[in-house]
Amino acid sequence: MRAPGKVETAGKAASFGIGTAQFGMNYGVSNTRGQTSEGEAEEILRTAAESGVRVLDTAALYGASEEVLGRLLPARHAFAITTKLPNLLSPDGVFDRDAADRLLASSLRRLRQPRVYGLMLHRPDELYGPEGEAIMAWLLRCREQGLAERIGVSVYAEDDLPALLARYPIGIVQAPVSLLDQRLLRSGALSACKAQGAEVHVRSVFLQGLLLMEPADLPPYFAEFDEALGTYRAFLERHALRSVEAALDFALHLEEADAVVCGVNDRAQLCELLGFAGRAPRRLNYERLAADDPRLLNPSQWQIHS
């Protein structure tokens, strides 16, 4: 386990995974192509299978993503599918186990799978409240029934991950980490996940595409963060790095990461990412790029739509 505040990379690369939000909706600040067509999604999955990609990540809230995967995946495949359930509490804050059963059954039906590798809550808020124990008991029952191999949560850096780890047997965590957003690394929260035996899947390594955009294409909202973004671009120029290369070099070689989940819009993008993912680590000091302002690092706080 690394000491909090120190960011290190390991020699063994994490698994490369595909986020499939684009299969079911228009997703990402840099996405100008809209939702990925089903034909293109089929090509992505075929290439991923041939390339040994392990993880496919989806969610009930990703539009038609689960349905698309269900239609396109063969009956026998080697992918480890992770999905995330929406809010499990009723409007008056009560957990209904039967309703939760129906939500999971709907996801499995859409995916056309008897089980998933990872079953996560889309947000961990429900586990903090008075119904948290009941929800975790239900998740554990899902695991015991063979409906999921690992159970856990998808988090933001603002969530109290150490408190969840101390209270519950979390087996899988999906968390945002990028060159700018190193908060869960610096705090030691992801090291704590590994110490507990939880699998860590890193997401948002391109910060929903923000790190891949040219300065002239950025929405006006990001003008306030010129200093952090300028430091990032200067770093890339100094080391002759492409933005995609830097993001993957950083994320794939983190000692905490078991998988790095990246969304792709087409097969060409996937091939490009796989090419960079196969390279040896550069072992650069990325710590200086870390920012702290959640208004920059948390896409849910971005104000970029009129």
C-alpha atoms as a PDB file:
ATOM      1  CA  MET A   1       0.000   0.000   0.000  1.00  0.00           C
ATOM      2  CA  ARG A   2       1.322   3.420  -0.894  1.00  0.00           C
ATOM      3  CA  ALA A   3       1.475   6.167   1.645  1.00  0.00           C
ATOM      4  CA  PRO A   4      -1.331   8.734   1.274  1.00  0.00           C
ATOM      5  CA  GLY A   5      -0.266  11.625  -0.916  1.00  0.00           C
ATOM      6  CA  LYS A   6       2.305   9.686  -2.928  1.00  0.00           C
ATOM      7  CA  VAL A   7       1.370   8.552  -6.439  1.00  0.00           C
ATOM      8  CA  GLU A   8       3.354   5.638  -7.822  1.00  0.00           C
ATOM      9  CA  THR A   9       3.039   3.375 -10.833  1.00  0.00           C
ATOM     10  CA  ALA A  10       3.742  -0.332 -11.048  1.00  0.00           C
ATOM     11  CA  GLY A  11       5.326  -2.376 -13.792  1.00  0.00           C
ATOM     12  CA  LYS A  12       2.362  -4.721 -14.315  1.00  0.00           C
ATOM     13  CA  ALA A  13      -0.364  -3.057 -16.355  1.00  0.00           C
ATOM     14  CA  ALA A  14      -4.014  -3.209 -15.365  1.00  0.00           C
ATOM     15  CA  SER A  15      -6.563  -4.880 -17.619  1.00  0.00           C
ATOM     16  CA  PHE A  16      -8.076  -2.691 -20.313  1.00  0.00           C
ATOM     17  CA  GLY A  17     -11.855  -2.461 -20.245  1.00  0.00           C
ATOM     18  CA  ILE A  18     -14.527  -0.831 -22.380  1.00  0.00           C
ATOM     19  CA  GLY A  19     -17.175   1.505 -21.025  1.00  0.00           C
ATOM     20  CA  THR A  20     -20.350   1.152 -23.070  1.00  0.00           C
ATOM     21  CA  ALA A  21     -22.305   4.289 -22.156  1.00  0.00           C
ATOM     22  CA  GLN A  22     -21.871   5.436 -25.779  1.00  0.00           C
ATOM     23  CA  PHE A  23     -23.660   2.286 -26.959  1.00  0.00           C
ATOM     24  CA  GLY A  24     -26.864   3.544 -25.399  1.00  0.00           C
ATOM     25  CA  MET A  25     -26.693   7.332 -25.281  1.00  0.00           C
ATOM     26  CA  ASN A  26     -24.846  10.464 -26.369  1.00  0.00           C
ATOM     27  CA  TYR A  27     -22.094  10.594 -23.731  1.00  0.00           C
ATOM     28  CA  GLY A  28     -18.996  12.709 -23.073  1.00  0.00           C
ATOM     29  CA  VAL A  29     -18.118  16.391 -23.324  1.00  0.00           C
ATOM     30  CA  SER A  30     -15.834  15.778 -26.328  1.00  0.00           C
ATOM     31  CA  ASN A  31     -18.223  13.415 -28.123  1.00  0.00           C
ATOM     32  CA  THR A  32     -19.355  15.119 -31.329  1.00  0.00           C
ATOM     33  CA  ARG A  33     -20.554  11.917 -33.026  1.00  0.00           C
ATOM     34  CA  GLY A  34     -23.490  11.074 -30.803  1.00  0.00           C
ATOM     35  CA  GLN A  35     -24.526   7.561 -29.837  1.00  0.00           C
ATOM     36  CA  THR A  36     -22.470   4.741 -31.321  1.00  0.00           C
ATOM     37  CA  SER A  37     -24.397   2.829 -33.974  1.00  0.00           C
ATOM     38  CA  GLU A  38     -25.216  -0.799 -33.304  1.00  0.00           C
ATOM     39  CA  GLY A  39     -23.127  -1.887 -36.278  1.00  0.00           C
ATOM     40  CA  GLU A  40     -20.115  -0.010 -34.942  1.00  0.00           C
ATOM     41  CA  ALA A  41     -20.727  -1.406 -31.448  1.00  0.00           C
ATOM     42  CA  GLU A  42     -20.651  -4.899 -32.932  1.00  0.00           C
ATOM     43  CA  GLU A  43     -17.272  -4.152 -34.535  1.00  0.00           C
ATOM     44  CA  ILE A  44     -15.963  -2.806 -31.232  1.00  0.00           C
ATOM     45  CA  LEU A  45     -17.014  -5.940 -29.368  1.00  0.00           C
ATOM     46  CA  ARG A  46     -15.573  -8.233 -32.017  1.00  0.00           C
ATOM     47  CA  THR A  47     -12.215  -6.444 -31.957  1.00  0.00           C
ATOM     48  CA  ALA A  48     -12.251  -6.345 -28.151  1.00  0.00           C
ATOM     49  CA  ALA A  49     -12.808 -10.102 -27.973  1.00  0.00           C
ATOM     50  CA  GLU A  50     -10.033 -10.779 -30.474  1.00  0.00           C
ATOM     51  CA  SER A  51      -7.680  -8.494 -28.510  1.00  0.00           C
ATOM     52  CA  GLY A  52      -8.305 -10.121 -25.141  1.00  0.00           C
ATOM     53  CA  VAL A  53     -10.180  -7.197 -23.576  1.00  0.00           C
ATOM     54  CA  ARG A  54     -11.654  -8.471 -20.306  1.00  0.00           C
ATOM     55  CA  VAL A  55     -14.078  -5.921 -18.846  1.00  0.00           C
ATOM     56  CA  LEU A  56     -17.268  -4.502 -20.320  1.00  0.00           C
ATOM     57  CA  ASP A  57     -18.904  -1.879 -18.124  1.00  0.00           C
ATOM     58  CA  THR A  58     -22.508  -0.764 -18.425  1.00  0.00           C
ATOM     59  CA  ALA A  59     -25.392   0.483 -16.268  1.00  0.00           C
ATOM     60  CA  ALA A  60     -29.166   0.510 -16.182  1.00  0.00           C
ATOM     61  CA  LEU A  61     -28.996   4.302 -16.536  1.00  0.00           C
ATOM     62  CA  TYR A  62     -26.895   4.207 -19.738  1.00  0.00           C
ATOM     63  CA  GLY A  63     -29.858   4.454 -22.076  1.00  0.00           C
ATOM     64  CA  ALA A  64     -30.086   1.339 -24.268  1.00  0.00           C
ATOM     65  CA  SER A  65     -26.559   0.123 -23.468  1.00  0.00           C
ATOM     66  CA  GLU A  66     -27.631  -3.064 -21.686  1.00  0.00           C
ATOM     67  CA  GLU A  67     -30.056  -3.950 -24.503  1.00  0.00           C
ATOM     68  CA  VAL A  68     -27.392  -3.380 -27.160  1.00  0.00           C
ATOM     69  CA  LEU A  69     -24.935  -5.624 -25.337  1.00  0.00           C
ATOM     70  CA  GLY A  70     -27.620  -8.253 -24.934  1.00  0.00           C
ATOM     71  CA  ARG A  71     -28.322  -8.290 -28.657  1.00  0.00           C
ATOM     72  CA  LEU A  72     -24.683  -8.274 -29.741  1.00  0.00           C
ATOM     73  CA  LEU A  73     -22.869 -10.560 -27.298  1.00  0.00           C
ATOM     74  CA  PRO A  74     -22.689 -14.236 -28.274  1.00  0.00           C
ATOM     75  CA  ALA A  75     -24.077 -16.831 -25.896  1.00  0.00           C
ATOM     76  CA  ARG A  76     -20.516 -17.822 -24.980  1.00  0.00           C
ATOM     77  CA  HIS A  77     -17.975 -15.068 -24.419  1.00  0.00           C
ATOM     78  CA  ALA A  78     -15.008 -14.313 -22.170  1.00  0.00           C
ATOM     79  CA  PHE A  79     -16.007 -10.805 -21.075  1.00  0.00           C
ATOM     80  CA  ALA A  80     -16.459  -9.884 -17.417  1.00  0.00           C
ATOM     81  CA  ILE A  81     -19.562  -7.678 -17.437  1.00  0.00           C
ATOM     82  CA  THR A  82     -20.064  -5.088 -14.733  1.00  0.00           C
ATOM     83  CA  THR A  83     -23.304  -3.173 -14.380  1.00  0.00           C
ATOM     84  CA  LYS A  84     -24.673  -0.584 -12.013  1.00  0.00           C
ATOM     85  CA  LEU A  85     -28.153  -0.377 -10.518  1.00  0.00           C
ATOM     86  CA  PRO A  86     -30.100   2.881 -10.150  1.00  0.00           C
ATOM     87  CA  ASN A  87     -31.564   4.161  -6.898  1.00  0.00           C
ATOM     88  CA  LEU A  88     -32.891   1.281  -4.784  1.00  0.00           C
ATOM     89  CA  LEU A  89     -34.892   3.429  -2.357  1.00  0.00           C
ATOM     90  CA  SER A  90     -38.527   4.378  -2.750  1.00  0.00           C
ATOM     91  CA  PRO A  91     -39.468   8.097  -2.787  1.00  0.00           C
ATOM     92  CA  ASP A  92     -40.031   7.906   0.980  1.00  0.00           C
ATOM     93  CA  GLY A  93     -36.576   6.374   1.534  1.00  0.00           C
ATOM     94  CA  VAL A  94     -37.557   2.735   2.083  1.00  0.00           C
ATOM     95  CA  PHE A  95     -35.687  -0.227   0.601  1.00  0.00           C
ATOM     96  CA  ASP A  96     -37.931  -2.823  -1.034  1.00  0.00           C
ATOM     97  CA  ARG A  97     -36.101  -6.114  -1.631  1.00  0.00           C
ATOM     98  CA  ASP A  98     -38.685  -7.332  -4.137  1.00  0.00           C
ATOM     99  CA  ALA A  99     -38.360  -4.126  -6.151  1.00  0.00           C
ATOM    100  CA  ALA A 100     -34.577  -4.501  -6.104  1.00  0.00           C
ATOM    101  CA  ASP A 101     -34.943  -8.085  -7.320  1.00  0.00           C
ATOM    102  CA  ARG A 102     -37.021  -6.810 -10.234  1.00  0.00           C
ATOM    103  CA  LEU A 103     -34.437  -4.147 -11.116  1.00  0.00           C
ATOM    104  CA  LEU A 104     -31.631  -6.700 -11.232  1.00  0.00           C
ATOM    105  CA  ALA A 105     -33.771  -9.187 -13.148  1.00  0.00           C
ATOM    106  CA  SER A 106     -34.513  -6.462 -15.708  1.00  0.00           C
ATOM    107  CA  SER A 107     -30.809  -5.716 -16.170  1.00  0.00           C
ATOM    108  CA  LEU A 108     -29.973  -9.405 -16.604  1.00  0.00           C
ATOM    109  CA  ARG A 109     -32.852  -9.807 -19.040  1.00  0.00           C
ATOM    110  CA  ARG A 110     -31.673  -6.853 -21.112  1.00  0.00           C
ATOM    111  CA  LEU A 111     -28.111  -8.175 -21.052  1.00  0.00           C
ATOM    112  CA  ARG A 112     -29.346 -11.717 -21.814  1.00  0.00           C
ATOM    113  CA  GLN A 113     -26.979 -12.991 -19.153  1.00  0.00           C
ATOM    114  CA  PRO A 114     -27.663 -15.334 -16.218  1.00  0.00           C
ATOM    115  CA  ARG A 115     -25.221 -13.371 -14.067  1.00  0.00           C
ATOM    116  CA  VAL A 116     -22.704 -10.520 -14.107  1.00  0.00           C
ATOM    117  CA  TYR A 117     -19.145 -10.299 -12.869  1.00  0.00           C
ATOM    118  CA  GLY A 118     -19.622  -7.049 -10.966  1.00  0.00           C
ATOM    119  CA  LEU A 119     -22.850  -5.637  -9.527  1.00  0.00           C
ATOM    120  CA  MET A 120     -22.536  -2.104  -8.212  1.00  0.00           C
ATOM    121  CA  LEU A 121     -24.707   0.652  -6.865  1.00  0.00           C
ATOM    122  CA  HIS A 122     -24.504   3.598  -9.245  1.00  0.00           C
ATOM    123  CA  ARG A 123     -23.981   5.867  -6.237  1.00  0.00           C
ATOM    124  CA  PRO A 124     -23.193   4.767  -2.674  1.00  0.00           C
ATOM    125  CA  ASP A 125     -25.498   7.285  -0.967  1.00  0.00           C
ATOM    126  CA  GLU A 126     -28.026   4.613  -0.018  1.00  0.00           C
ATOM    127  CA  LEU A 127     -25.411   2.719   2.002  1.00  0.00           C
ATOM    128  CA  TYR A 128     -24.793   5.700   4.284  1.00  0.00           C
ATOM    129  CA  GLY A 129     -28.402   5.864   5.476  1.00  0.00           C
ATOM    130  CA  PRO A 130     -30.622   3.753   7.728  1.00  0.00           C
ATOM    131  CA  GLU A 131     -31.394   1.288   4.921  1.00  0.00           C
ATOM    132  CA  GLY A 132     -27.712   0.640   4.211  1.00  0.00           C
ATOM    133  CA  GLU A 133     -27.518  -2.659   6.104  1.00  0.00           C
ATOM    134  CA  ALA A 134     -30.595  -4.019   4.333  1.00  0.00           C
ATOM    135  CA  ILE A 135     -29.246  -3.031   0.935  1.00  0.00           C
ATOM    136  CA  MET A 136     -25.887  -4.647   1.619  1.00  0.00           C
ATOM    137  CA  ALA A 137     -27.633  -7.807   2.861  1.00  0.00           C
ATOM    138  CA  TRP A 138     -29.525  -7.904  -0.445  1.00  0.00           C
ATOM    139  CA  LEU A 139     -26.299  -7.447  -2.443  1.00  0.00           C
ATOM    140  CA  LEU A 140     -24.665 -10.252  -0.475  1.00  0.00           C
ATOM    141  CA  ARG A 141     -27.652 -12.477  -1.209  1.00  0.00           C
ATOM    142  CA  CYS A 142     -27.262 -11.708  -4.922  1.00  0.00           C
ATOM    143  CA  ARG A 143     -23.647 -12.829  -4.684  1.00  0.00           C
ATOM    144  CA  GLU A 144     -24.543 -15.972  -2.755  1.00  0.00           C
ATOM    145  CA  GLN A 145     -27.159 -16.851  -5.381  1.00  0.00           C
ATOM    146  CA  GLY A 146     -24.532 -16.613  -8.104  1.00  0.00           C
ATOM    147  CA  LEU A 147     -26.050 -13.550  -9.775  1.00  0.00           C
ATOM    148  CA  ALA A 148     -22.821 -11.560  -9.323  1.00  0.00           C
ATOM    149  CA  GLU A 149     -19.258 -12.570  -8.535  1.00  0.00           C
ATOM    150  CA  ARG A 150     -18.390  -9.261  -6.885  1.00  0.00           C
ATOM    151  CA  ILE A 151     -20.600  -6.599  -5.309  1.00  0.00           C
ATOM    152  CA  GLY A 152     -19.721  -2.998  -4.637  1.00  0.00           C
ATOM    153  CA  VAL A 153     -20.120   0.642  -5.541  1.00  0.00           C
ATOM    154  CA  SER A 154     -19.333   3.257  -8.136  1.00  0.00           C
ATOM    155  CA  VAL A 155     -18.032   6.381  -6.407  1.00  0.00           C
ATOM    156  CA  TYR A 156     -16.946   9.952  -6.900  1.00  0.00           C
ATOM    157  CA  ALA A 157     -13.927  11.303  -5.058  1.00  0.00           C
ATOM    158  CA  GLU A 158     -16.267  13.331  -2.842  1.00  0.00           C
ATOM    159  CA  ASP A 159     -17.824  10.131  -1.448  1.00  0.00           C
ATOM    160  CA  ASP A 160     -16.592   8.759   1.888  1.00  0.00           C
ATOM    161  CA  LEU A 161     -15.045   5.576   0.516  1.00  0.00           C
ATOM    162  CA  PRO A 162     -13.020   4.735   3.667  1.00  0.00           C
ATOM    163  CA  ALA A 163     -16.237   4.763   5.724  1.00  0.00           C
ATOM    164  CA  LEU A 164     -17.886   2.349   3.295  1.00  0.00           C
ATOM    165  CA  LEU A 165     -14.886   0.023   3.387  1.00  0.00           C
ATOM    166  CA  ALA A 166     -14.881   0.033   7.175  1.00  0.00           C
ATOM    167  CA  ARG A 167     -18.579  -0.809   7.378  1.00  0.00           C
ATOM    168  CA  TYR A 168     -19.238  -3.165   4.458  1.00  0.00           C
ATOM    169  CA  PRO A 169     -17.575  -6.096   2.615  1.00  0.00           C
ATOM    170  CA  ILE A 170     -17.075  -4.154  -0.616  1.00  0.00           C
ATOM    171  CA  GLY A 171     -15.688  -6.432  -3.344  1.00  0.00           C
ATOM    172  CA  ILE A 172     -15.464  -4.058  -6.297  1.00  0.00           C
ATOM    173  CA  VAL A 173     -15.125  -0.288  -6.600  1.00  0.00           C
ATOM    174  CA  GLN A 174     -15.348   1.809  -9.727  1.00  0.00           C
ATOM    175  CA  ALA A 175     -13.703   5.177  -9.234  1.00  0.00           C
ATOM    176  CA  PRO A 176     -12.666   8.232 -11.256  1.00  0.00           C
ATOM    177  CA  VAL A 177      -8.924   8.727 -11.663  1.00  0.00           C
ATOM    178  CA  SER A 178      -7.166  10.876 -14.234  1.00  0.00           C
ATOM    179  CA  LEU A 179      -4.034  12.942 -14.664  1.00  0.00           C
ATOM    180  CA  LEU A 180      -5.892  15.865 -13.110  1.00  0.00           C
ATOM    181  CA  ASP A 181      -8.054  13.941 -10.649  1.00  0.00           C
ATOM    182  CA  GLN A 182      -5.685  12.065  -8.363  1.00  0.00           C
ATOM    183  CA  ARG A 183      -7.664  12.678  -5.170  1.00  0.00           C
ATOM    184  CA  LEU A 184      -8.503   9.037  -4.370  1.00  0.00           C
ATOM    185  CA  LEU A 185      -4.876   8.080  -4.935  1.00  0.00           C
ATOM    186  CA  ARG A 186      -3.403  10.855  -2.822  1.00  0.00           C
ATOM    187  CA  SER A 187      -5.820  10.183   0.043  1.00  0.00           C
ATOM    188  CA  GLY A 188      -4.934   6.496   0.106  1.00  0.00           C
ATOM    189  CA  ALA A 189      -8.601   5.477  -0.411  1.00  0.00           C
ATOM    190  CA  LEU A 190      -7.848   3.183  -3.351  1.00  0.00           C
ATOM    191  CA  SER A 191      -4.916   1.633  -1.509  1.00  0.00           C
ATOM    192  CA  ALA A 192      -7.371   0.863   1.286  1.00  0.00           C
ATOM    193  CA  CYS A 193      -9.614  -0.871  -1.262  1.00  0.00           C
ATOM    194  CA  LYS A 194      -6.748  -3.122  -2.303  1.00  0.00           C
ATOM    195  CA  ALA A 195      -5.821  -3.846   1.300  1.00  0.00           C
ATOM    196  CA  GLN A 196      -9.389  -5.044   1.894  1.00  0.00           C
ATOM    197  CA  GLY A 197      -9.300  -7.262  -1.191  1.00  0.00           C
ATOM    198  CA  ALA A 198     -11.617  -5.132  -3.306  1.00  0.00           C
ATOM    199  CA  GLU A 199     -11.065  -4.977  -7.040  1.00  0.00           C
ATOM    200  CA  VAL A 200     -10.530  -1.422  -8.340  1.00  0.00           C
ATOM    201  CA  HIS A 201     -11.810  -0.395 -11.752  1.00  0.00           C
ATOM    202  CA  VAL A 202     -10.630   3.065 -12.755  1.00  0.00           C
ATOM    203  CA  ARG A 203     -12.907   5.173 -14.940  1.00  0.00           C
ATOM    204  CA  SER A 204     -12.954   8.714 -16.373  1.00  0.00           C
ATOM    205  CA  VAL A 205      -9.251   8.568 -17.255  1.00  0.00           C
ATOM    206  CA  PHE A 206      -9.888  11.136 -20.015  1.00  0.00           C
ATOM    207  CA  LEU A 207     -12.163  13.150 -17.699  1.00  0.00           C
ATOM    208  CA  GLN A 208     -15.131  12.469 -20.003  1.00  0.00           C
ATOM    209  CA  GLY A 209     -12.992  13.554 -22.959  1.00  0.00           C
ATOM    210  CA  LEU A 210     -11.958  16.918 -21.509  1.00  0.00           C
ATOM    211  CA  LEU A 211      -8.270  15.942 -21.512  1.00  0.00           C
ATOM    212  CA  LEU A 212      -8.433  15.095 -25.214  1.00  0.00           C
ATOM    213  CA  MET A 213      -9.912  18.396 -26.372  1.00  0.00           C
ATOM    214  CA  GLU A 214      -8.072  21.224 -28.071  1.00  0.00           C
ATOM    215  CA  PRO A 215      -8.116  24.514 -26.092  1.00  0.00           C
ATOM    216  CA  ALA A 216     -10.148  26.260 -28.813  1.00  0.00           C
ATOM    217  CA  ASP A 217     -12.869  23.614 -28.531  1.00  0.00           C
ATOM    218  CA  LEU A 218     -13.394  23.862 -24.778  1.00  0.00           C
ATOM    219  CA  PRO A 219     -16.748  25.205 -23.570  1.00  0.00           C
ATOM    220  CA  PRO A 220     -16.470  28.666 -21.939  1.00  0.00           C
ATOM    221  CA  TYR A 221     -17.091  27.083 -18.520  1.00  0.00           C
ATOM    222  CA  PHE A 222     -13.509  25.801 -18.421  1.00  0.00           C
ATOM    223  CA  ALA A 223     -11.886  29.224 -18.863  1.00  0.00           C
ATOM    224  CA  GLU A 224     -11.730  29.507 -15.080  1.00  0.00           C
ATOM    225  CA  PHE A 225      -9.394  26.505 -15.016  1.00  0.00           C
ATOM    226  CA  ASP A 226      -6.851  27.757 -17.552  1.00  0.00           C
ATOM    227  CA  GLU A 227      -3.968  27.377 -15.112  1.00  0.00           C
ATOM    228  CA  ALA A 228      -4.523  23.672 -14.408  1.00  0.00           C
ATOM    229  CA  LEU A 229      -5.284  22.863 -18.046  1.00  0.00           C
ATOM    230  CA  GLY A 230      -2.326  24.939 -19.224  1.00  0.00           C
ATOM    231  CA  THR A 231       0.031  23.064 -16.876  1.00  0.00           C
ATOM    232  CA  TYR A 232      -1.315  19.808 -18.276  1.00  0.00           C
ATOM    233  CA  ARG A 233      -0.815  20.849 -21.902  1.00  0.00           C
ATOM    234  CA  ALA A 234       2.692  22.159 -21.188  1.00  0.00           C
ATOM    235  CA  PHE A 235       3.575  18.805 -19.588  1.00  0.00           C
ATOM    236  CA  LEU A 236       2.440  16.946 -22.688  1.00  0.00           C
ATOM    237  CA  GLU A 237       4.478  19.221 -24.937  1.00  0.00           C
ATOM    238  CA  ARG A 238       7.596  18.968 -22.769  1.00  0.00           C
ATOM    239  CA  HIS A 239       7.529  15.161 -22.871  1.00  0.00           C
ATOM    240  CA  ALA A 240       6.316  14.879 -26.473  1.00  0.00           C
ATOM    241  CA  LEU A 241       3.237  12.964 -25.353  1.00  0.00           C
ATOM    242  CA  ARG A 242      -0.155  12.678 -26.964  1.00  0.00           C
ATOM    243  CA  SER A 243      -3.006  13.211 -24.535  1.00  0.00           C
ATOM    244  CA  VAL A 244      -4.328   9.663 -25.008  1.00  0.00           C
ATOM    245  CA  GLU A 245      -0.887   8.194 -24.440  1.00  0.00           C
ATOM    246  CA  ALA A 246      -0.298  10.156 -21.243  1.00  0.00           C
ATOM    247  CA  ALA A 247      -3.704   9.306 -19.764  1.00  0.00           C
ATOM    248  CA  LEU A 248      -3.306   5.580 -20.391  1.00  0.00           C
ATOM    249  CA  ASP A 249       0.347   5.480 -19.347  1.00  0.00           C
ATOM    250  CA  PHE A 250      -0.689   7.005 -16.020  1.00  0.00           C
ATOM    251  CA  ALA A 251      -3.806   4.936 -15.353  1.00  0.00           C
ATOM    252  CA  LEU A 252      -2.809   1.500 -16.612  1.00  0.00           C
ATOM    253  CA  HIS A 253       0.316   1.357 -14.477  1.00  0.00           C
ATOM    254  CA  LEU A 254      -1.162   2.502 -11.184  1.00  0.00           C
ATOM    255  CA  GLU A 255      -0.485  -0.094  -8.518  1.00  0.00           C
ATOM    256  CA  GLU A 256      -4.097   0.110  -7.286  1.00  0.00           C
ATOM    257  CA  ALA A 257      -5.792  -0.412 -10.649  1.00  0.00           C
ATOM    258  CA  ASP A 258      -7.079  -3.851 -11.617  1.00  0.00           C
ATOM    259  CA  ALA A 259      -8.864  -2.534 -14.694  1.00  0.00           C
ATOM    260  CA  VAL A 260      -9.042   0.748 -16.580  1.00  0.00           C
ATOM    261  CA  VAL A 261     -12.388   1.350 -18.259  1.00  0.00           C
ATOM    262  CA  CYS A 262     -12.462   3.631 -21.312  1.00  0.00           C
ATOM    263  CA  GLY A 263     -15.381   4.535 -23.538  1.00  0.00           C
ATOM    264  CA  VAL A 264     -14.914   4.325 -27.296  1.00  0.00           C
ATOM    265  CA  ASN A 265     -17.088   5.600 -30.145  1.00  0.00           C
ATOM    266  CA  ASP A 266     -15.816   3.305 -32.887  1.00  0.00           C
ATOM    267  CA  ARG A 267     -13.434   0.475 -33.719  1.00  0.00           C
ATOM    268  CA  ALA A 268     -10.681   2.873 -34.852  1.00  0.00           C
ATOM    269  CA  GLN A 269     -10.651   4.536 -31.429  1.00  0.00           C
ATOM    270  CA  LEU A 270     -10.468   1.150 -29.728  1.00  0.00           C
ATOM    271  CA  CYS A 271      -7.521   0.087 -31.866  1.00  0.00           C
ATOM    272  CA  GLU A 272      -5.742   3.353 -31.070  1.00  0.00           C
ATOM    273  CA  LEU A 273      -6.270   2.873 -27.321  1.00  0.00           C
ATOM    274  CA  LEU A 274      -5.151  -0.746 -27.439  1.00  0.00           C
ATOM    275  CA  GLY A 275      -1.987   0.344 -29.232  1.00  0.00           C
ATOM    276  CA  PHE A 276      -1.108   2.765 -26.464  1.00  0.00           C
ATOM    277  CA  ALA A 277      -2.194   0.307 -23.758  1.00  0.00           C
ATOM    278  CA  GLY A 278       0.374  -2.203 -24.968  1.00  0.00           C
ATOM    279  CA  ARG A 279       3.348   0.102 -24.464  1.00  0.00           C
ATOM    280  CA  ALA A 280       5.877  -0.077 -21.647  1.00  0.00           C
ATOM    281  CA  PRO A 281       5.397   2.449 -18.817  1.00  0.00           C
ATOM    282  CA  ARG A 282       7.080   5.826 -19.250  1.00  0.00           C
ATOM    283  CA  ARG A 283       7.523   6.237 -15.467  1.00  0.00           C
ATOM    284  CA  LEU A 284       7.054  10.000 -15.550  1.00  0.00           C
ATOM    285  CA  ASN A 285       6.196  12.131 -12.533  1.00  0.00           C
ATOM    286  CA  TYR A 286       2.510  12.903 -13.059  1.00  0.00           C
ATOM    287  CA  GLU A 287       1.918  14.174  -9.520  1.00  0.00           C
ATOM    288  CA  ARG A 288       2.434  17.805 -10.478  1.00  0.00           C
ATOM    289  CA  LEU A 289      -0.663  17.677 -12.702  1.00  0.00           C
ATOM    290  CA  ALA A 290      -3.045  16.905  -9.825  1.00  0.00           C
ATOM    291  CA  ALA A 291      -5.825  19.442  -9.268  1.00  0.00           C
ATOM    292  CA  ASP A 292      -8.251  19.743  -6.358  1.00  0.00           C
ATOM    293  CA  ASP A 293     -11.265  21.776  -7.463  1.00  0.00           C
ATOM    294  CA  PRO A 294     -14.332  19.489  -7.807  1.00  0.00           C
ATOM    295  CA  ARG A 295     -15.879  22.020 -10.177  1.00  0.00           C
ATOM    296  CA  LEU A 296     -13.195  20.949 -12.653  1.00  0.00           C
ATOM    297  CA  LEU A 297     -12.814  17.318 -11.651  1.00  0.00           C
ATOM    298  CA  ASN A 298     -16.430  16.230 -11.167  1.00  0.00           C
ATOM    299  CA  PRO A 299     -18.405  16.269 -14.437  1.00  0.00           C
ATOM    300  CA  SER A 300     -21.679  16.325 -12.501  1.00  0.00           C
ATOM    301  CA  GLN A 301     -20.745  19.864 -11.442  1.00  0.00           C
ATOM    302  CA  TRP A 302     -19.938  21.144 -14.918  1.00  0.00           C
ATOM    303  CA  GLN A 303     -22.203  23.904 -16.190  1.00  0.00           C
ATOM    304  CA  ILE A 304     -21.747  23.554 -19.928  1.00  0.00           C
ATOM    305  CA  HIS A 305     -25.298  23.327 -21.224  1.00  0.00           C
ATOM    306  CA  SER A 306     -27.585  26.277 -21.761  1.00  0.00           C
END
